[in-house]
Amino acid sequence: MTRRLPLSLTLSRTIAALALAALAAASLAGCAAASAADSGDAGTVTIRIPDPGNAGSLALGKKDGSLTRALAAVGAKVEWTGTAGAFAPAALALNANELDVATGSITSAIMALGQSPSFELFAAAAPDDNGEGILVKDGSGIDTVKDLVGKKVAVWHGSTSEYLLLKALDQAGISEDAVQRVYLQPAQSAAVFHSGQVDAWATWSTFSTTERAVQHEHFLVNGKQVGSQNYSVLAVRSAFAQQHPAVVRALYDYVNAKDLDREKNPDPYINVFRTSGPDAVTGAAVKLTAQEYRASHPLQPIGAQQVADFAEVAKFYADRGITKGAVDVSKYVIDVTKLKG
């Protein structure tokens, strides 16, 4: 059996309980919110999307008004709801009719799709080759994946981070039990890693870019090196997609075009609103972010290849007991190219 810290087990169980309670409470309010969500003022459809923060395609679209114009062309407007973050709470909000669209990873989506979901996936971006991986401190003596044996690694259960660690161990032929997984929320992991309570941290670009630029840290291995199939995905509430297919298609077309532009011209997509503060990147992190944007992949329709890769990730999770059986992601995929008003 995989060894885990008692604190981590307690944290995971507490979060799970709170999530179930939140879902139950939110579902009671869902019916009351439905009419407000599916129709806007004077017939304008309102699409609720997590606030994009200070970087990326949606952030720039929010700032320059181009997203507003793209949605207005199909009789819709955006309502920024909450903030973008981990997909698990976003999935709960989708299921409870508190959100219409959210971005996440296929690893986190698989976890949520195994729980009677009310959402589907309509776009995907190929795995992040350079921005996700396992961070270690410079001079730590951890030079290969085999050096993680007997060490503690910070991960978030069922997410990109746990997937990356398990992929790395599998590739190196190391038993999962040989490394201690410490389950922490992503925002907690940096402090725990910096203090030396864990020896490594499996994470993604939201956190890794600043860490590599500011701290004396580097990737032991990155996503490409471990053969990651961890696509980024866009999810939409099923009822919204059925009622407003043209709006979903317009959002996809907009983000796809912006992602393509971001590859060629990354600078406007960095520090969109602020050049200082907790969500701004500075110094070497600006250059590193630009490099990652140039190497990133735009959102695309989900086709046969993506579905096959999703199935492999689902099997990988099932084989390791992360999920109870392999989730059939194909049942929750929309062909965005066929959506129209």
C-alpha atoms as a PDB file:
ATOM      1  CA  MET A   1       0.000   0.000   0.000  1.00  0.00           C
ATOM      2  CA  THR A   2       1.252   3.491  -0.855  1.00  0.00           C
ATOM      3  CA  ARG A   3       2.710   5.275   2.162  1.00  0.00           C
ATOM      4  CA  ARG A   4       1.224   8.723   2.812  1.00  0.00           C
ATOM      5  CA  LEU A   5       1.586  11.218   5.582  1.00  0.00           C
ATOM      6  CA  PRO A   6      -1.205  11.168   8.179  1.00  0.00           C
ATOM      7  CA  LEU A   7      -1.617  14.930   7.745  1.00  0.00           C
ATOM      8  CA  SER A   8      -2.097  14.444   4.025  1.00  0.00           C
ATOM      9  CA  LEU A   9      -4.716  11.762   4.513  1.00  0.00           C
ATOM     10  CA  THR A  10      -6.613  13.957   6.935  1.00  0.00           C
ATOM     11  CA  LEU A  11      -6.429  16.885   4.551  1.00  0.00           C
ATOM     12  CA  SER A  12      -7.658  14.814   1.593  1.00  0.00           C
ATOM     13  CA  ARG A  13     -10.604  13.416   3.558  1.00  0.00           C
ATOM     14  CA  THR A  14     -11.536  16.851   4.893  1.00  0.00           C
ATOM     15  CA  ILE A  15     -11.434  18.414   1.434  1.00  0.00           C
ATOM     16  CA  ALA A  16     -13.511  15.563  -0.004  1.00  0.00           C
ATOM     17  CA  ALA A  17     -16.130  16.013   2.706  1.00  0.00           C
ATOM     18  CA  LEU A  18     -16.265  19.766   2.180  1.00  0.00           C
ATOM     19  CA  ALA A  19     -16.544  19.305  -1.580  1.00  0.00           C
ATOM     20  CA  LEU A  20     -19.503  16.950  -1.218  1.00  0.00           C
ATOM     21  CA  ALA A  21     -21.171  19.354   1.188  1.00  0.00           C
ATOM     22  CA  ALA A  22     -20.592  22.247  -1.176  1.00  0.00           C
ATOM     23  CA  LEU A  23     -22.055  20.302  -4.070  1.00  0.00           C
ATOM     24  CA  ALA A  24     -25.147  19.398  -2.080  1.00  0.00           C
ATOM     25  CA  ALA A  25     -25.685  23.012  -1.023  1.00  0.00           C
ATOM     26  CA  ALA A  26     -25.014  24.365  -4.480  1.00  0.00           C
ATOM     27  CA  SER A  27     -27.406  21.958  -6.150  1.00  0.00           C
ATOM     28  CA  LEU A  28     -30.252  23.352  -4.029  1.00  0.00           C
ATOM     29  CA  ALA A  29     -29.569  26.769  -5.476  1.00  0.00           C
ATOM     30  CA  GLY A  30     -29.017  25.485  -9.004  1.00  0.00           C
ATOM     31  CA  CYS A  31     -32.637  25.570 -10.149  1.00  0.00           C
ATOM     32  CA  ALA A  32     -33.069  29.132  -8.943  1.00  0.00           C
ATOM     33  CA  ALA A  33     -29.961  30.203 -10.844  1.00  0.00           C
ATOM     34  CA  ALA A  34     -30.824  28.416 -14.098  1.00  0.00           C
ATOM     35  CA  SER A  35     -33.011  31.058 -15.726  1.00  0.00           C
ATOM     36  CA  ALA A  36     -30.547  33.824 -14.883  1.00  0.00           C
ATOM     37  CA  ALA A  37     -27.650  31.834 -16.314  1.00  0.00           C
ATOM     38  CA  ASP A  38     -29.288  30.766 -19.569  1.00  0.00           C
ATOM     39  CA  SER A  39     -30.784  34.080 -20.579  1.00  0.00           C
ATOM     40  CA  GLY A  40     -29.391  37.547 -20.229  1.00  0.00           C
ATOM     41  CA  ASP A  41     -30.900  40.999 -20.500  1.00  0.00           C
ATOM     42  CA  ALA A  42     -33.259  41.483 -23.461  1.00  0.00           C
ATOM     43  CA  GLY A  43     -32.583  37.986 -24.767  1.00  0.00           C
ATOM     44  CA  THR A  44     -28.796  38.130 -24.483  1.00  0.00           C
ATOM     45  CA  VAL A  45     -27.305  34.830 -23.342  1.00  0.00           C
ATOM     46  CA  THR A  46     -24.944  35.091 -20.369  1.00  0.00           C
ATOM     47  CA  ILE A  47     -22.008  32.690 -20.290  1.00  0.00           C
ATOM     48  CA  ARG A  48     -20.281  32.393 -16.919  1.00  0.00           C
ATOM     49  CA  ILE A  49     -16.510  31.882 -17.055  1.00  0.00           C
ATOM     50  CA  PRO A  50     -13.922  31.979 -14.236  1.00  0.00           C
ATOM     51  CA  ASP A  51     -11.997  35.240 -14.195  1.00  0.00           C
ATOM     52  CA  PRO A  52      -8.779  34.616 -16.191  1.00  0.00           C
ATOM     53  CA  GLY A  53      -6.506  36.638 -13.945  1.00  0.00           C
ATOM     54  CA  ASN A  54      -3.473  38.443 -15.305  1.00  0.00           C
ATOM     55  CA  ALA A  55      -2.286  36.283 -18.200  1.00  0.00           C
ATOM     56  CA  GLY A  56      -3.424  34.333 -21.226  1.00  0.00           C
ATOM     57  CA  SER A  57      -5.865  34.538 -24.091  1.00  0.00           C
ATOM     58  CA  LEU A  58      -9.022  35.181 -22.076  1.00  0.00           C
ATOM     59  CA  ALA A  59      -7.295  37.811 -19.936  1.00  0.00           C
ATOM     60  CA  LEU A  60      -6.303  39.799 -23.012  1.00  0.00           C
ATOM     61  CA  GLY A  61      -9.790  39.337 -24.426  1.00  0.00           C
ATOM     62  CA  LYS A  62     -11.253  40.730 -21.240  1.00  0.00           C
ATOM     63  CA  LYS A  63      -8.964  43.743 -21.281  1.00  0.00           C
ATOM     64  CA  ASP A  64      -9.252  44.806 -24.915  1.00  0.00           C
ATOM     65  CA  GLY A  65     -12.938  43.984 -25.311  1.00  0.00           C
ATOM     66  CA  SER A  66     -12.377  41.556 -28.172  1.00  0.00           C
ATOM     67  CA  LEU A  67     -14.070  38.688 -26.313  1.00  0.00           C
ATOM     68  CA  THR A  68     -17.089  40.886 -25.621  1.00  0.00           C
ATOM     69  CA  ARG A  69     -17.366  41.670 -29.333  1.00  0.00           C
ATOM     70  CA  ALA A  70     -16.951  38.025 -30.377  1.00  0.00           C
ATOM     71  CA  LEU A  71     -19.725  36.897 -28.046  1.00  0.00           C
ATOM     72  CA  ALA A  72     -22.000  39.805 -28.929  1.00  0.00           C
ATOM     73  CA  ALA A  73     -21.932  38.588 -32.529  1.00  0.00           C
ATOM     74  CA  VAL A  74     -23.865  35.485 -31.406  1.00  0.00           C
ATOM     75  CA  GLY A  75     -26.100  37.290 -28.928  1.00  0.00           C
ATOM     76  CA  ALA A  76     -24.097  36.527 -25.799  1.00  0.00           C
ATOM     77  CA  LYS A  77     -22.124  38.263 -23.078  1.00  0.00           C
ATOM     78  CA  VAL A  78     -19.616  37.034 -20.519  1.00  0.00           C
ATOM     79  CA  GLU A  79     -19.989  37.115 -16.751  1.00  0.00           C
ATOM     80  CA  TRP A  80     -16.712  36.596 -14.912  1.00  0.00           C
ATOM     81  CA  THR A  81     -17.460  34.296 -11.989  1.00  0.00           C
ATOM     82  CA  GLY A  82     -14.876  33.622  -9.292  1.00  0.00           C
ATOM     83  CA  THR A  83     -11.288  33.003 -10.333  1.00  0.00           C
ATOM     84  CA  ALA A  84      -9.571  30.411 -12.496  1.00  0.00           C
ATOM     85  CA  GLY A  85      -7.843  27.714 -10.488  1.00  0.00           C
ATOM     86  CA  ALA A  86      -7.948  23.989  -9.824  1.00  0.00           C
ATOM     87  CA  PHE A  87     -10.479  22.103 -11.921  1.00  0.00           C
ATOM     88  CA  ALA A  88     -11.994  20.116  -9.036  1.00  0.00           C
ATOM     89  CA  PRO A  89     -13.956  23.056  -7.553  1.00  0.00           C
ATOM     90  CA  ALA A  90     -14.784  24.286 -11.059  1.00  0.00           C
ATOM     91  CA  ALA A  91     -16.304  20.881 -11.852  1.00  0.00           C
ATOM     92  CA  LEU A  92     -18.478  21.173  -8.764  1.00  0.00           C
ATOM     93  CA  ALA A  93     -19.609  24.610  -9.908  1.00  0.00           C
ATOM     94  CA  LEU A  94     -20.429  23.283 -13.385  1.00  0.00           C
ATOM     95  CA  ASN A  95     -22.448  20.449 -11.889  1.00  0.00           C
ATOM     96  CA  ALA A  96     -24.307  22.883  -9.614  1.00  0.00           C
ATOM     97  CA  ASN A  97     -25.177  25.324 -12.435  1.00  0.00           C
ATOM     98  CA  GLU A  98     -22.985  28.058 -10.985  1.00  0.00           C
ATOM     99  CA  LEU A  99     -20.571  28.112 -13.928  1.00  0.00           C
ATOM    100  CA  ASP A 100     -20.859  27.441 -17.652  1.00  0.00           C
ATOM    101  CA  VAL A 101     -17.268  26.983 -18.844  1.00  0.00           C
ATOM    102  CA  ALA A 102     -14.000  26.044 -17.131  1.00  0.00           C
ATOM    103  CA  THR A 103     -10.458  25.088 -18.073  1.00  0.00           C
ATOM    104  CA  GLY A 104      -8.551  22.191 -16.546  1.00  0.00           C
ATOM    105  CA  SER A 105      -6.314  19.231 -17.260  1.00  0.00           C
ATOM    106  CA  ILE A 106      -7.542  15.898 -18.570  1.00  0.00           C
ATOM    107  CA  THR A 107      -6.175  14.257 -15.418  1.00  0.00           C
ATOM    108  CA  SER A 108      -8.381  16.383 -13.166  1.00  0.00           C
ATOM    109  CA  ALA A 109     -11.276  16.106 -15.619  1.00  0.00           C
ATOM    110  CA  ILE A 110     -11.133  12.312 -15.475  1.00  0.00           C
ATOM    111  CA  MET A 111     -11.447  12.447 -11.700  1.00  0.00           C
ATOM    112  CA  ALA A 112     -14.518  14.682 -12.007  1.00  0.00           C
ATOM    113  CA  LEU A 113     -16.059  12.713 -14.882  1.00  0.00           C
ATOM    114  CA  GLY A 114     -16.199   9.671 -12.645  1.00  0.00           C
ATOM    115  CA  GLN A 115     -18.674  11.469 -10.342  1.00  0.00           C
ATOM    116  CA  SER A 116     -21.965  11.775 -12.309  1.00  0.00           C
ATOM    117  CA  PRO A 117     -20.919  14.920 -14.206  1.00  0.00           C
ATOM    118  CA  SER A 118     -23.135  17.559 -15.756  1.00  0.00           C
ATOM    119  CA  PHE A 119     -20.459  18.833 -18.116  1.00  0.00           C
ATOM    120  CA  GLU A 120     -18.673  17.807 -21.305  1.00  0.00           C
ATOM    121  CA  LEU A 121     -15.339  18.577 -22.980  1.00  0.00           C
ATOM    122  CA  PHE A 122     -15.272  20.536 -26.230  1.00  0.00           C
ATOM    123  CA  ALA A 123     -11.639  21.517 -26.851  1.00  0.00           C
ATOM    124  CA  ALA A 124      -8.161  20.359 -25.914  1.00  0.00           C
ATOM    125  CA  ALA A 125      -4.579  21.593 -26.131  1.00  0.00           C
ATOM    126  CA  ALA A 126      -1.704  19.158 -26.466  1.00  0.00           C
ATOM    127  CA  PRO A 127       0.325  18.464 -23.300  1.00  0.00           C
ATOM    128  CA  ASP A 128       2.634  21.180 -21.985  1.00  0.00           C
ATOM    129  CA  ASP A 129       6.074  19.832 -22.853  1.00  0.00           C
ATOM    130  CA  ASN A 130       8.085  22.379 -20.876  1.00  0.00           C
ATOM    131  CA  GLY A 131       5.916  23.903 -18.149  1.00  0.00           C
ATOM    132  CA  GLU A 132       5.008  20.829 -16.096  1.00  0.00           C
ATOM    133  CA  GLY A 133       7.353  18.491 -14.281  1.00  0.00           C
ATOM    134  CA  ILE A 134       8.961  17.527 -10.986  1.00  0.00           C
ATOM    135  CA  LEU A 135      10.825  20.366  -9.280  1.00  0.00           C
ATOM    136  CA  VAL A 136      13.885  19.750  -7.130  1.00  0.00           C
ATOM    137  CA  LYS A 137      16.284  22.197  -5.508  1.00  0.00           C
ATOM    138  CA  ASP A 138      19.634  22.922  -7.081  1.00  0.00           C
ATOM    139  CA  GLY A 139      22.325  20.912  -5.338  1.00  0.00           C
ATOM    140  CA  SER A 140      19.809  18.633  -3.621  1.00  0.00           C
ATOM    141  CA  GLY A 141      21.589  15.496  -4.743  1.00  0.00           C
ATOM    142  CA  ILE A 142      18.441  14.370  -6.544  1.00  0.00           C
ATOM    143  CA  ASP A 143      19.775  13.983 -10.056  1.00  0.00           C
ATOM    144  CA  THR A 144      17.646  11.162 -11.454  1.00  0.00           C
ATOM    145  CA  VAL A 145      14.166   9.829 -10.804  1.00  0.00           C
ATOM    146  CA  LYS A 146      15.742   6.892  -8.978  1.00  0.00           C
ATOM    147  CA  ASP A 147      17.085   9.359  -6.412  1.00  0.00           C
ATOM    148  CA  LEU A 148      13.478   9.982  -5.333  1.00  0.00           C
ATOM    149  CA  VAL A 149      13.357   6.560  -3.670  1.00  0.00           C
ATOM    150  CA  GLY A 150      12.700   7.100   0.038  1.00  0.00           C
ATOM    151  CA  LYS A 151      11.944  10.787  -0.532  1.00  0.00           C
ATOM    152  CA  LYS A 152       8.775  12.859  -0.068  1.00  0.00           C
ATOM    153  CA  VAL A 153       7.129  14.503  -3.064  1.00  0.00           C
ATOM    154  CA  ALA A 154       4.333  17.094  -2.878  1.00  0.00           C
ATOM    155  CA  VAL A 155       1.381  16.306  -5.144  1.00  0.00           C
ATOM    156  CA  TRP A 156      -2.332  17.065  -5.362  1.00  0.00           C
ATOM    157  CA  HIS A 157      -4.508  13.955  -5.450  1.00  0.00           C
ATOM    158  CA  GLY A 158      -5.607  12.906  -8.914  1.00  0.00           C
ATOM    159  CA  SER A 159      -4.290  16.035 -10.573  1.00  0.00           C
ATOM    160  CA  THR A 160      -1.505  16.839 -13.008  1.00  0.00           C
ATOM    161  CA  SER A 161       1.075  16.617 -10.243  1.00  0.00           C
ATOM    162  CA  GLU A 162       0.258  13.087  -9.072  1.00  0.00           C
ATOM    163  CA  TYR A 163       0.018  11.959 -12.689  1.00  0.00           C
ATOM    164  CA  LEU A 164       3.476  13.352 -13.488  1.00  0.00           C
ATOM    165  CA  LEU A 165       5.049  11.671 -10.485  1.00  0.00           C
ATOM    166  CA  LEU A 166       3.469   8.311 -11.249  1.00  0.00           C
ATOM    167  CA  LYS A 167       4.484   8.564 -14.913  1.00  0.00           C
ATOM    168  CA  ALA A 168       8.067   9.329 -13.921  1.00  0.00           C
ATOM    169  CA  LEU A 169       8.203   6.393 -11.497  1.00  0.00           C
ATOM    170  CA  ASP A 170       6.617   4.060 -14.033  1.00  0.00           C
ATOM    171  CA  GLN A 171       9.107   5.080 -16.703  1.00  0.00           C
ATOM    172  CA  ALA A 172      12.033   4.529 -14.332  1.00  0.00           C
ATOM    173  CA  GLY A 173      10.712   1.141 -13.191  1.00  0.00           C
ATOM    174  CA  ILE A 174      10.278   2.307  -9.593  1.00  0.00           C
ATOM    175  CA  SER A 175       7.470   1.075  -7.363  1.00  0.00           C
ATOM    176  CA  GLU A 176       4.967   3.724  -6.320  1.00  0.00           C
ATOM    177  CA  ASP A 177       5.472   2.612  -2.726  1.00  0.00           C
ATOM    178  CA  ALA A 178       9.142   3.582  -2.877  1.00  0.00           C
ATOM    179  CA  VAL A 179       8.298   7.284  -2.869  1.00  0.00           C
ATOM    180  CA  GLN A 180       6.125   9.038  -0.301  1.00  0.00           C
ATOM    181  CA  ARG A 181       3.380  11.150  -1.818  1.00  0.00           C
ATOM    182  CA  VAL A 182       2.438  14.135   0.333  1.00  0.00           C
ATOM    183  CA  TYR A 183      -1.004  15.370  -0.653  1.00  0.00           C
ATOM    184  CA  LEU A 184      -1.179  19.165  -0.529  1.00  0.00           C
ATOM    185  CA  GLN A 185      -3.314  21.785  -2.207  1.00  0.00           C
ATOM    186  CA  PRO A 186      -1.302  23.466  -4.983  1.00  0.00           C
ATOM    187  CA  ALA A 187      -1.165  26.836  -3.211  1.00  0.00           C
ATOM    188  CA  GLN A 188       0.287  25.196  -0.090  1.00  0.00           C
ATOM    189  CA  SER A 189       3.027  23.269  -1.845  1.00  0.00           C
ATOM    190  CA  ALA A 190       5.557  26.042  -2.430  1.00  0.00           C
ATOM    191  CA  ALA A 191       5.943  26.909   1.253  1.00  0.00           C
ATOM    192  CA  VAL A 192       6.219  23.260   2.246  1.00  0.00           C
ATOM    193  CA  PHE A 193       8.802  22.624  -0.465  1.00  0.00           C
ATOM    194  CA  HIS A 194      10.837  25.716   0.391  1.00  0.00           C
ATOM    195  CA  SER A 195      10.922  24.739   4.074  1.00  0.00           C
ATOM    196  CA  GLY A 196      12.374  21.333   3.261  1.00  0.00           C
ATOM    197  CA  GLN A 197       9.425  19.316   4.538  1.00  0.00           C
ATOM    198  CA  VAL A 198       9.249  17.617   1.133  1.00  0.00           C
ATOM    199  CA  ASP A 199      12.131  16.822  -1.201  1.00  0.00           C
ATOM    200  CA  ALA A 200      10.427  17.503  -4.532  1.00  0.00           C
ATOM    201  CA  TRP A 201       7.271  19.020  -5.951  1.00  0.00           C
ATOM    202  CA  ALA A 202       5.394  17.796  -9.014  1.00  0.00           C
ATOM    203  CA  THR A 203       3.567  20.754 -10.542  1.00  0.00           C
ATOM    204  CA  TRP A 204       2.636  22.703 -13.674  1.00  0.00           C
ATOM    205  CA  SER A 205       3.361  26.065 -15.287  1.00  0.00           C
ATOM    206  CA  THR A 206       1.057  28.123 -13.054  1.00  0.00           C
ATOM    207  CA  PHE A 207       3.555  27.488 -10.269  1.00  0.00           C
ATOM    208  CA  SER A 208       6.687  26.138 -11.937  1.00  0.00           C
ATOM    209  CA  THR A 209       7.508  29.196 -14.038  1.00  0.00           C
ATOM    210  CA  THR A 210       8.035  31.544 -11.113  1.00  0.00           C
ATOM    211  CA  GLU A 211       9.712  28.819  -9.052  1.00  0.00           C
ATOM    212  CA  ARG A 212      12.304  28.121 -11.740  1.00  0.00           C
ATOM    213  CA  ALA A 213      12.868  31.819 -12.385  1.00  0.00           C
ATOM    214  CA  VAL A 214      13.095  33.018  -8.788  1.00  0.00           C
ATOM    215  CA  GLN A 215      14.074  30.041  -6.641  1.00  0.00           C
ATOM    216  CA  HIS A 216      17.146  27.852  -7.011  1.00  0.00           C
ATOM    217  CA  GLU A 217      15.111  25.021  -8.498  1.00  0.00           C
ATOM    218  CA  HIS A 218      14.927  23.062 -11.722  1.00  0.00           C
ATOM    219  CA  PHE A 219      12.954  20.251 -13.291  1.00  0.00           C
ATOM    220  CA  LEU A 220      14.251  16.801 -12.511  1.00  0.00           C
ATOM    221  CA  VAL A 221      12.112  15.700 -15.464  1.00  0.00           C
ATOM    222  CA  ASN A 222       9.463  17.568 -17.426  1.00  0.00           C
ATOM    223  CA  GLY A 223       6.228  16.419 -18.991  1.00  0.00           C
ATOM    224  CA  LYS A 224       7.773  15.596 -22.342  1.00  0.00           C
ATOM    225  CA  GLN A 225      10.462  13.465 -20.759  1.00  0.00           C
ATOM    226  CA  VAL A 226       7.961  11.284 -18.907  1.00  0.00           C
ATOM    227  CA  GLY A 227       5.640  10.910 -21.920  1.00  0.00           C
ATOM    228  CA  SER A 228       2.828  13.010 -20.464  1.00  0.00           C
ATOM    229  CA  GLN A 229      -0.561  12.838 -22.185  1.00  0.00           C
ATOM    230  CA  ASN A 230      -1.944  15.507 -19.888  1.00  0.00           C
ATOM    231  CA  TYR A 231      -3.937  17.687 -22.266  1.00  0.00           C
ATOM    232  CA  SER A 232      -5.489  20.978 -21.218  1.00  0.00           C
ATOM    233  CA  VAL A 233      -9.233  20.861 -21.816  1.00  0.00           C
ATOM    234  CA  LEU A 234     -12.180  23.230 -21.992  1.00  0.00           C
ATOM    235  CA  ALA A 235     -15.351  21.986 -20.318  1.00  0.00           C
ATOM    236  CA  VAL A 236     -18.885  23.293 -20.724  1.00  0.00           C
ATOM    237  CA  ARG A 237     -22.025  22.654 -18.724  1.00  0.00           C
ATOM    238  CA  SER A 238     -24.029  20.098 -20.705  1.00  0.00           C
ATOM    239  CA  ALA A 239     -27.330  21.980 -20.547  1.00  0.00           C
ATOM    240  CA  PHE A 240     -25.660  25.195 -21.718  1.00  0.00           C
ATOM    241  CA  ALA A 241     -24.092  23.452 -24.726  1.00  0.00           C
ATOM    242  CA  GLN A 242     -27.456  21.952 -25.679  1.00  0.00           C
ATOM    243  CA  GLN A 243     -29.272  25.277 -25.391  1.00  0.00           C
ATOM    244  CA  HIS A 244     -26.610  27.595 -26.840  1.00  0.00           C
ATOM    245  CA  PRO A 245     -24.334  25.695 -29.242  1.00  0.00           C
ATOM    246  CA  ALA A 246     -23.516  28.807 -31.258  1.00  0.00           C
ATOM    247  CA  VAL A 247     -22.160  30.524 -28.148  1.00  0.00           C
ATOM    248  CA  VAL A 248     -19.910  27.560 -27.332  1.00  0.00           C
ATOM    249  CA  ARG A 249     -18.627  27.513 -30.907  1.00  0.00           C
ATOM    250  CA  ALA A 250     -17.963  31.262 -30.843  1.00  0.00           C
ATOM    251  CA  LEU A 251     -16.002  30.945 -27.614  1.00  0.00           C
ATOM    252  CA  TYR A 252     -13.950  28.107 -29.057  1.00  0.00           C
ATOM    253  CA  ASP A 253     -13.203  30.016 -32.272  1.00  0.00           C
ATOM    254  CA  TYR A 254     -12.141  33.046 -30.259  1.00  0.00           C
ATOM    255  CA  VAL A 255      -9.797  31.176 -27.911  1.00  0.00           C
ATOM    256  CA  ASN A 256      -8.303  29.112 -30.723  1.00  0.00           C
ATOM    257  CA  ALA A 257      -7.449  32.257 -32.703  1.00  0.00           C
ATOM    258  CA  LYS A 258      -5.986  33.988 -29.650  1.00  0.00           C
ATOM    259  CA  ASP A 259      -3.906  30.930 -28.743  1.00  0.00           C
ATOM    260  CA  LEU A 260      -2.420  30.883 -32.244  1.00  0.00           C
ATOM    261  CA  ASP A 261      -1.565  34.575 -31.948  1.00  0.00           C
ATOM    262  CA  ARG A 262      -0.050  34.017 -28.490  1.00  0.00           C
ATOM    263  CA  GLU A 263       2.429  31.509 -29.943  1.00  0.00           C
ATOM    264  CA  LYS A 264       3.752  34.118 -32.366  1.00  0.00           C
ATOM    265  CA  ASN A 265       3.424  37.193 -30.168  1.00  0.00           C
ATOM    266  CA  PRO A 266       3.456  36.217 -26.469  1.00  0.00           C
ATOM    267  CA  ASP A 267       4.289  39.564 -24.850  1.00  0.00           C
ATOM    268  CA  PRO A 268       0.751  41.078 -24.788  1.00  0.00           C
ATOM    269  CA  TYR A 269      -0.517  37.948 -23.026  1.00  0.00           C
ATOM    270  CA  ILE A 270       1.851  38.388 -20.057  1.00  0.00           C
ATOM    271  CA  ASN A 271       0.973  40.743 -17.168  1.00  0.00           C
ATOM    272  CA  VAL A 272      -2.169  41.787 -19.024  1.00  0.00           C
ATOM    273  CA  PHE A 273      -3.565  43.976 -16.238  1.00  0.00           C
ATOM    274  CA  ARG A 274      -0.698  44.358 -13.747  1.00  0.00           C
ATOM    275  CA  THR A 275       3.087  44.272 -13.730  1.00  0.00           C
ATOM    276  CA  SER A 276       3.285  43.858  -9.953  1.00  0.00           C
ATOM    277  CA  GLY A 277       1.408  41.913  -7.333  1.00  0.00           C
ATOM    278  CA  PRO A 278       0.907  38.222  -6.544  1.00  0.00           C
ATOM    279  CA  ASP A 279      -0.339  37.291 -10.027  1.00  0.00           C
ATOM    280  CA  ALA A 280       2.325  39.218 -11.963  1.00  0.00           C
ATOM    281  CA  VAL A 281       5.581  37.777 -13.246  1.00  0.00           C
ATOM    282  CA  THR A 282       8.781  39.804 -13.046  1.00  0.00           C
ATOM    283  CA  GLY A 283      12.435  39.525 -13.972  1.00  0.00           C
ATOM    284  CA  ALA A 284      13.504  36.187 -15.421  1.00  0.00           C
ATOM    285  CA  ALA A 285       9.951  34.840 -15.101  1.00  0.00           C
ATOM    286  CA  VAL A 286       8.770  37.177 -17.880  1.00  0.00           C
ATOM    287  CA  LYS A 287      11.251  35.722 -20.355  1.00  0.00           C
ATOM    288  CA  LEU A 288      10.506  32.167 -19.245  1.00  0.00           C
ATOM    289  CA  THR A 289       6.769  32.722 -19.620  1.00  0.00           C
ATOM    290  CA  ALA A 290       7.258  34.061 -23.137  1.00  0.00           C
ATOM    291  CA  GLN A 291       9.338  31.009 -24.034  1.00  0.00           C
ATOM    292  CA  GLU A 292       6.644  28.707 -22.732  1.00  0.00           C
ATOM    293  CA  TYR A 293       3.917  30.542 -24.668  1.00  0.00           C
ATOM    294  CA  ARG A 294       5.928  30.178 -27.882  1.00  0.00           C
ATOM    295  CA  ALA A 295       6.262  26.445 -27.226  1.00  0.00           C
ATOM    296  CA  SER A 296       2.636  25.985 -26.160  1.00  0.00           C
ATOM    297  CA  HIS A 297      -0.141  24.413 -28.191  1.00  0.00           C
ATOM    298  CA  PRO A 298      -3.444  26.080 -29.097  1.00  0.00           C
ATOM    299  CA  LEU A 299      -6.800  24.653 -28.160  1.00  0.00           C
ATOM    300  CA  GLN A 300      -8.153  22.388 -30.896  1.00  0.00           C
ATOM    301  CA  PRO A 301     -11.283  20.315 -31.492  1.00  0.00           C
ATOM    302  CA  ILE A 302     -11.245  16.943 -29.743  1.00  0.00           C
ATOM    303  CA  GLY A 303     -10.775  14.226 -32.345  1.00  0.00           C
ATOM    304  CA  ALA A 304     -10.000  10.522 -32.434  1.00  0.00           C
ATOM    305  CA  GLN A 305      -6.360  10.957 -31.384  1.00  0.00           C
ATOM    306  CA  GLN A 306      -7.229  13.044 -28.348  1.00  0.00           C
ATOM    307  CA  VAL A 307      -9.952  10.621 -27.280  1.00  0.00           C
ATOM    308  CA  ALA A 308      -7.500   7.714 -27.586  1.00  0.00           C
ATOM    309  CA  ASP A 309      -4.951   9.585 -25.459  1.00  0.00           C
ATOM    310  CA  PHE A 310      -7.623  10.410 -22.877  1.00  0.00           C
ATOM    311  CA  ALA A 311      -8.449   6.698 -22.683  1.00  0.00           C
ATOM    312  CA  GLU A 312      -4.819   5.888 -21.963  1.00  0.00           C
ATOM    313  CA  VAL A 313      -4.729   8.408 -19.119  1.00  0.00           C
ATOM    314  CA  ALA A 314      -7.983   6.979 -17.743  1.00  0.00           C
ATOM    315  CA  LYS A 315      -6.549   3.463 -17.853  1.00  0.00           C
ATOM    316  CA  PHE A 316      -3.334   4.652 -16.205  1.00  0.00           C
ATOM    317  CA  TYR A 317      -5.366   6.061 -13.317  1.00  0.00           C
ATOM    318  CA  ALA A 318      -7.555   2.977 -13.027  1.00  0.00           C
ATOM    319  CA  ASP A 319      -4.567   0.627 -13.026  1.00  0.00           C
ATOM    320  CA  ARG A 320      -3.100   2.534 -10.083  1.00  0.00           C
ATOM    321  CA  GLY A 321      -6.280   2.762  -8.064  1.00  0.00           C
ATOM    322  CA  ILE A 322      -6.637   6.531  -8.482  1.00  0.00           C
ATOM    323  CA  THR A 323     -10.109   5.921  -9.926  1.00  0.00           C
ATOM    324  CA  LYS A 324     -12.462   2.986  -9.543  1.00  0.00           C
ATOM    325  CA  GLY A 325     -12.286   1.603 -13.040  1.00  0.00           C
ATOM    326  CA  ALA A 326     -11.366   3.408 -16.241  1.00  0.00           C
ATOM    327  CA  VAL A 327     -13.566   6.426 -16.923  1.00  0.00           C
ATOM    328  CA  ASP A 328     -14.936   6.410 -20.487  1.00  0.00           C
ATOM    329  CA  VAL A 329     -14.131   9.993 -21.449  1.00  0.00           C
ATOM    330  CA  SER A 330     -15.514   9.507 -24.970  1.00  0.00           C
ATOM    331  CA  LYS A 331     -19.048   9.704 -23.573  1.00  0.00           C
ATOM    332  CA  TYR A 332     -18.396  13.277 -22.465  1.00  0.00           C
ATOM    333  CA  VAL A 333     -16.891  14.777 -25.626  1.00  0.00           C
ATOM    334  CA  ILE A 334     -18.536  17.330 -27.926  1.00  0.00           C
ATOM    335  CA  ASP A 335     -17.402  17.811 -31.525  1.00  0.00           C
ATOM    336  CA  VAL A 336     -17.147  21.592 -31.471  1.00  0.00           C
ATOM    337  CA  THR A 337     -16.838  21.737 -35.275  1.00  0.00           C
ATOM    338  CA  LYS A 338     -20.444  20.567 -35.562  1.00  0.00           C
ATOM    339  CA  LEU A 339     -21.898  23.175 -33.214  1.00  0.00           C
ATOM    340  CA  LYS A 340     -23.988  25.886 -34.822  1.00  0.00           C
ATOM    341  CA  GLY A 341     -26.914  28.098 -34.034  1.00  0.00           C
END
